[in-house]
């Protein structure tokens, strides 16, 4: 069963989220992080979204973690110290599709350790992404130019970690006005050819109230 992947870095103690230290206040943090991804990691994302801010007051000076997440269809990165890990292998309790959760628990046992702190940050980013799907039902960064409604539902279920009612999903997405059909259909193994859709140009990058 398909699931999203998260890019992690090897460390002496296991696996960690990607981190970049910033000790100046005169830069836009998201732009700085995007440049780090492009130049150091070799991964391009169209935007980064902030999910959570965490602070460690036991340090002197205090450390502040500002967590961003981005989405990409590419899996090519620079460096042997980086690895793509299936997201629900790290957060098996976030996948409610069966039997995916059971499979993820088994797979997680074979992964290097990830700190509870990093898992909490990852869970916060996932929850932020899931909430955004109510206002922005198509994640344009990871979708092809044209797709079927079945494909879009599968991708949405992958991110939500749950199965959706097909008729309700299609009615909601079509009534939102976010998509427009194109005059191309693709053959399916069963049933009628499936119509292809694309994001309506006037709604690209927009949110739905």
Protein backbone atom coordinates (compact mmCIF):
# COMPACT_ATOMS: atom_id res chain seq x y z
CA UNK A 1 0.00 0.00 0.00
CA UNK A 2 1.37 3.40 -0.99
CA UNK A 3 2.59 5.85 1.61
CA UNK A 4 4.53 9.13 1.68
CA UNK A 5 8.24 9.13 2.45
CA UNK A 6 10.28 11.47 4.63
CA UNK A 7 13.91 12.40 4.07
CA UNK A 8 16.13 11.71 7.07
CA UNK A 9 19.82 11.97 7.81
CA UNK A 10 22.06 9.35 9.37
CA UNK A 11 23.70 10.34 12.65
CA UNK A 12 25.80 8.54 15.23
CA UNK A 13 22.69 7.79 17.25
CA UNK A 14 20.38 6.71 14.43
CA UNK A 15 18.26 8.81 12.08
CA UNK A 16 17.34 12.49 12.46
CA UNK A 17 15.27 15.11 10.67
CA UNK A 18 17.23 17.44 8.42
CA UNK A 19 18.51 20.44 10.35
CA UNK A 20 20.24 23.67 9.44
CA UNK A 21 21.57 26.05 12.09
CA UNK A 22 20.76 29.75 11.71
CA UNK A 23 22.38 32.23 14.08
CA UNK A 24 21.14 35.45 12.48
CA UNK A 25 17.79 37.20 12.46
CA UNK A 26 18.06 39.21 9.25
CA UNK A 27 17.07 36.34 6.91
CA UNK A 28 13.75 34.81 5.91
CA UNK A 29 13.94 31.41 7.57
CA UNK A 30 11.90 29.53 4.98
CA UNK A 31 13.96 30.95 2.10
CA UNK A 32 17.18 30.09 3.93
CA UNK A 33 15.96 26.51 4.45
CA UNK A 34 14.91 26.20 0.79
CA UNK A 35 18.39 27.29 -0.33
CA UNK A 36 19.88 24.70 2.02
CA UNK A 37 17.72 21.99 0.44
CA UNK A 38 18.63 23.03 -3.09
CA UNK A 39 22.38 23.59 -2.62
CA UNK A 40 23.28 20.99 -0.01
CA UNK A 41 20.66 18.27 -0.42
CA UNK A 42 19.93 18.75 -4.12
CA UNK A 43 16.18 18.74 -3.56
CA UNK A 44 13.95 21.45 -4.97
CA UNK A 45 10.60 22.32 -3.41
CA UNK A 46 8.24 25.08 -4.52
CA UNK A 47 7.50 26.20 -0.96
CA UNK A 48 7.95 25.32 2.70
CA UNK A 49 5.18 25.39 5.28
CA UNK A 50 5.78 26.00 8.98
CA UNK A 51 4.23 23.41 11.27
CA UNK A 52 5.52 23.98 14.80
CA UNK A 53 7.98 25.97 16.91
CA UNK A 54 9.75 24.30 19.82
CA UNK A 55 12.30 25.68 22.28
CA UNK A 56 14.92 24.19 24.57
CA UNK A 57 15.43 26.59 27.48
CA UNK A 58 18.02 24.31 29.10
CA UNK A 59 20.60 25.45 26.53
CA UNK A 60 22.62 28.63 26.84
CA UNK A 61 21.72 30.47 24.74
CA UNK A 62 18.28 28.86 24.40
CA UNK A 63 17.70 26.92 21.20
CA UNK A 64 14.56 27.33 19.11
CA UNK A 65 13.46 24.69 16.61
CA UNK A 66 11.27 26.06 13.83
CA UNK A 67 9.94 23.10 11.90
CA UNK A 68 9.13 23.42 8.19
CA UNK A 69 7.93 20.77 5.78
CA UNK A 70 7.88 20.71 2.01
CA UNK A 71 6.56 18.36 -0.64
CA UNK A 72 8.32 17.05 -3.71
CA UNK A 73 7.77 14.37 -6.33
CA UNK A 74 11.53 13.92 -6.74
CA UNK A 75 13.46 11.39 -4.70
CA UNK A 76 16.91 12.30 -6.02
CA UNK A 77 19.18 13.81 -3.34
CA UNK A 78 22.89 14.38 -2.82
CA UNK A 79 24.83 12.56 -0.13
CA UNK A 80 25.22 9.03 1.16
CA UNK A 81 24.11 10.14 4.63
CA UNK A 82 20.51 10.74 3.52
CA UNK A 83 17.72 8.20 3.24
CA UNK A 84 14.05 8.23 2.26
CA UNK A 85 11.99 6.37 4.86
CA UNK A 86 8.30 5.43 4.52
CA UNK A 87 6.46 7.86 6.79
CA UNK A 88 4.16 5.33 8.42
CA UNK A 89 7.10 3.10 9.29
CA UNK A 90 8.01 5.92 11.66
CA UNK A 91 4.44 6.82 12.68
CA UNK A 92 2.47 3.56 12.35
CA UNK A 93 -0.35 4.87 14.55
CA UNK A 94 -1.08 7.55 11.93
CA UNK A 95 -2.02 5.02 9.23
CA UNK A 96 -5.52 3.63 9.72
CA UNK A 97 -5.71 1.76 6.45
CA UNK A 98 -5.65 -2.00 6.86
CA UNK A 99 -3.36 -3.91 6.76
CA UNK A 100 -0.93 -1.02 6.33
CA UNK A 101 -0.61 -0.24 10.04
CA UNK A 102 0.37 -3.79 10.91
CA UNK A 103 2.94 -3.88 8.12
CA UNK A 104 4.39 -0.55 9.23
CA UNK A 105 4.88 -1.72 12.81
CA UNK A 106 6.83 -4.74 11.57
CA UNK A 107 8.96 -2.62 9.23
CA UNK A 108 9.69 -0.03 11.94
CA UNK A 109 11.45 -2.68 14.01
CA UNK A 110 14.23 -2.85 11.40
CA UNK A 111 14.90 0.90 11.19
CA UNK A 112 17.70 2.74 13.02
CA UNK A 113 16.29 4.65 16.01
CA UNK A 114 14.69 8.07 15.66
CA UNK A 115 14.36 10.27 18.75
CA UNK A 116 10.95 10.83 20.30
CA UNK A 117 11.49 14.56 19.84
CA UNK A 118 11.93 14.17 16.07
CA UNK A 119 8.92 11.87 15.87
CA UNK A 120 6.83 14.50 17.66
CA UNK A 121 7.98 17.16 15.17
CA UNK A 122 7.19 14.82 12.28
CA UNK A 123 3.73 14.07 13.63
CA UNK A 124 3.04 17.79 14.03
CA UNK A 125 4.04 18.43 10.41
CA UNK A 126 1.80 15.60 9.22
CA UNK A 127 -1.17 16.92 11.18
CA UNK A 128 -0.61 20.41 9.75
CA UNK A 129 -0.56 18.97 6.24
CA UNK A 130 -3.73 16.97 6.87
CA UNK A 131 -5.61 20.01 8.14
CA UNK A 132 -4.59 21.94 5.04
CA UNK A 133 -6.33 19.39 2.80
CA UNK A 134 -9.70 20.82 3.84
CA UNK A 135 -8.75 24.18 2.31
CA UNK A 136 -6.44 23.01 -0.46
CA UNK A 137 -7.71 19.62 -1.62
CA UNK A 138 -5.08 19.04 -4.30
CA UNK A 139 -1.42 19.13 -3.34
CA UNK A 140 -0.13 20.46 -6.64
CA UNK A 141 3.53 19.92 -5.71
CA UNK A 142 3.20 16.13 -5.84
CA UNK A 143 0.56 15.61 -8.52
CA UNK A 144 1.14 15.21 -12.26
CA UNK A 145 -0.34 17.76 -14.64
CA UNK A 146 -3.34 15.54 -15.37
CA UNK A 147 -4.85 12.77 -13.25
CA UNK A 148 -7.99 10.73 -12.72
CA UNK A 149 -10.25 11.18 -9.72
CA UNK A 150 -9.35 7.65 -8.61
CA UNK A 151 -5.67 8.55 -8.62
CA UNK A 152 -6.34 11.74 -6.67
CA UNK A 153 -8.39 9.84 -4.08
CA UNK A 154 -5.60 7.30 -3.62
CA UNK A 155 -3.07 10.08 -3.07
CA UNK A 156 -5.38 11.85 -0.62
CA UNK A 157 -5.96 8.62 1.32
CA UNK A 158 -2.20 8.09 1.40
CA UNK A 159 -1.68 11.46 3.10
CA UNK A 160 -4.66 11.14 5.44
CA UNK A 161 -3.86 7.56 6.37
CA UNK A 162 -7.50 6.58 6.06
CA UNK A 163 -9.94 5.33 3.44
CA UNK A 164 -12.52 7.72 1.97
CA UNK A 165 -16.02 7.19 0.64
CA UNK A 166 -15.58 7.38 -3.12
CA UNK A 167 -18.86 9.11 -4.02
CA UNK A 168 -18.54 11.67 -1.24
CA UNK A 169 -14.93 12.42 -2.15
CA UNK A 170 -15.76 12.95 -5.82
CA UNK A 171 -18.76 15.12 -5.08
CA UNK A 172 -16.78 17.33 -2.71
CA UNK A 173 -13.81 17.79 -5.00
CA UNK A 174 -15.94 18.50 -8.08
CA UNK A 175 -18.24 20.93 -6.25
CA UNK A 176 -15.21 22.83 -4.95
CA UNK A 177 -14.47 24.10 -8.46
CA UNK A 178 -10.80 23.33 -7.94
CA UNK A 179 -10.58 20.98 -10.94
CA UNK A 180 -11.57 21.09 -14.57
CA UNK A 181 -11.87 18.11 -16.95
CA UNK A 182 -9.76 17.82 -20.06
CA UNK A 183 -10.92 16.04 -23.20
CA UNK A 184 -8.80 12.97 -22.61
CA UNK A 185 -9.80 9.65 -21.09
CA UNK A 186 -7.60 6.72 -20.09
CA UNK A 187 -8.53 3.07 -20.36
CA UNK A 188 -9.11 1.07 -17.21
CA UNK A 189 -8.98 -2.66 -16.64
CA UNK A 190 -12.64 -2.60 -15.61
CA UNK A 191 -15.50 -0.27 -16.51
CA UNK A 192 -15.57 2.82 -18.66
CA UNK A 193 -12.48 4.91 -19.52
CA UNK A 194 -11.63 7.38 -16.77
CA UNK A 195 -11.75 11.11 -17.49
CA UNK A 196 -8.61 13.12 -16.79
CA UNK A 197 -8.68 16.33 -14.74
CA UNK A 198 -6.29 19.17 -14.08
CA UNK A 199 -6.13 21.96 -11.51
CA UNK A 200 -8.12 24.93 -12.79
CA UNK A 201 -5.68 27.73 -13.59
CA UNK A 202 -7.69 30.27 -11.62
CA UNK A 203 -7.49 28.14 -8.45
CA UNK A 204 -3.85 26.98 -8.71
CA UNK A 205 -2.16 27.65 -5.39
CA UNK A 206 -5.40 28.94 -3.87
CA UNK A 207 -7.32 27.73 -0.86
CA UNK A 208 -11.03 27.04 -0.52
CA UNK A 209 -13.05 28.81 2.18
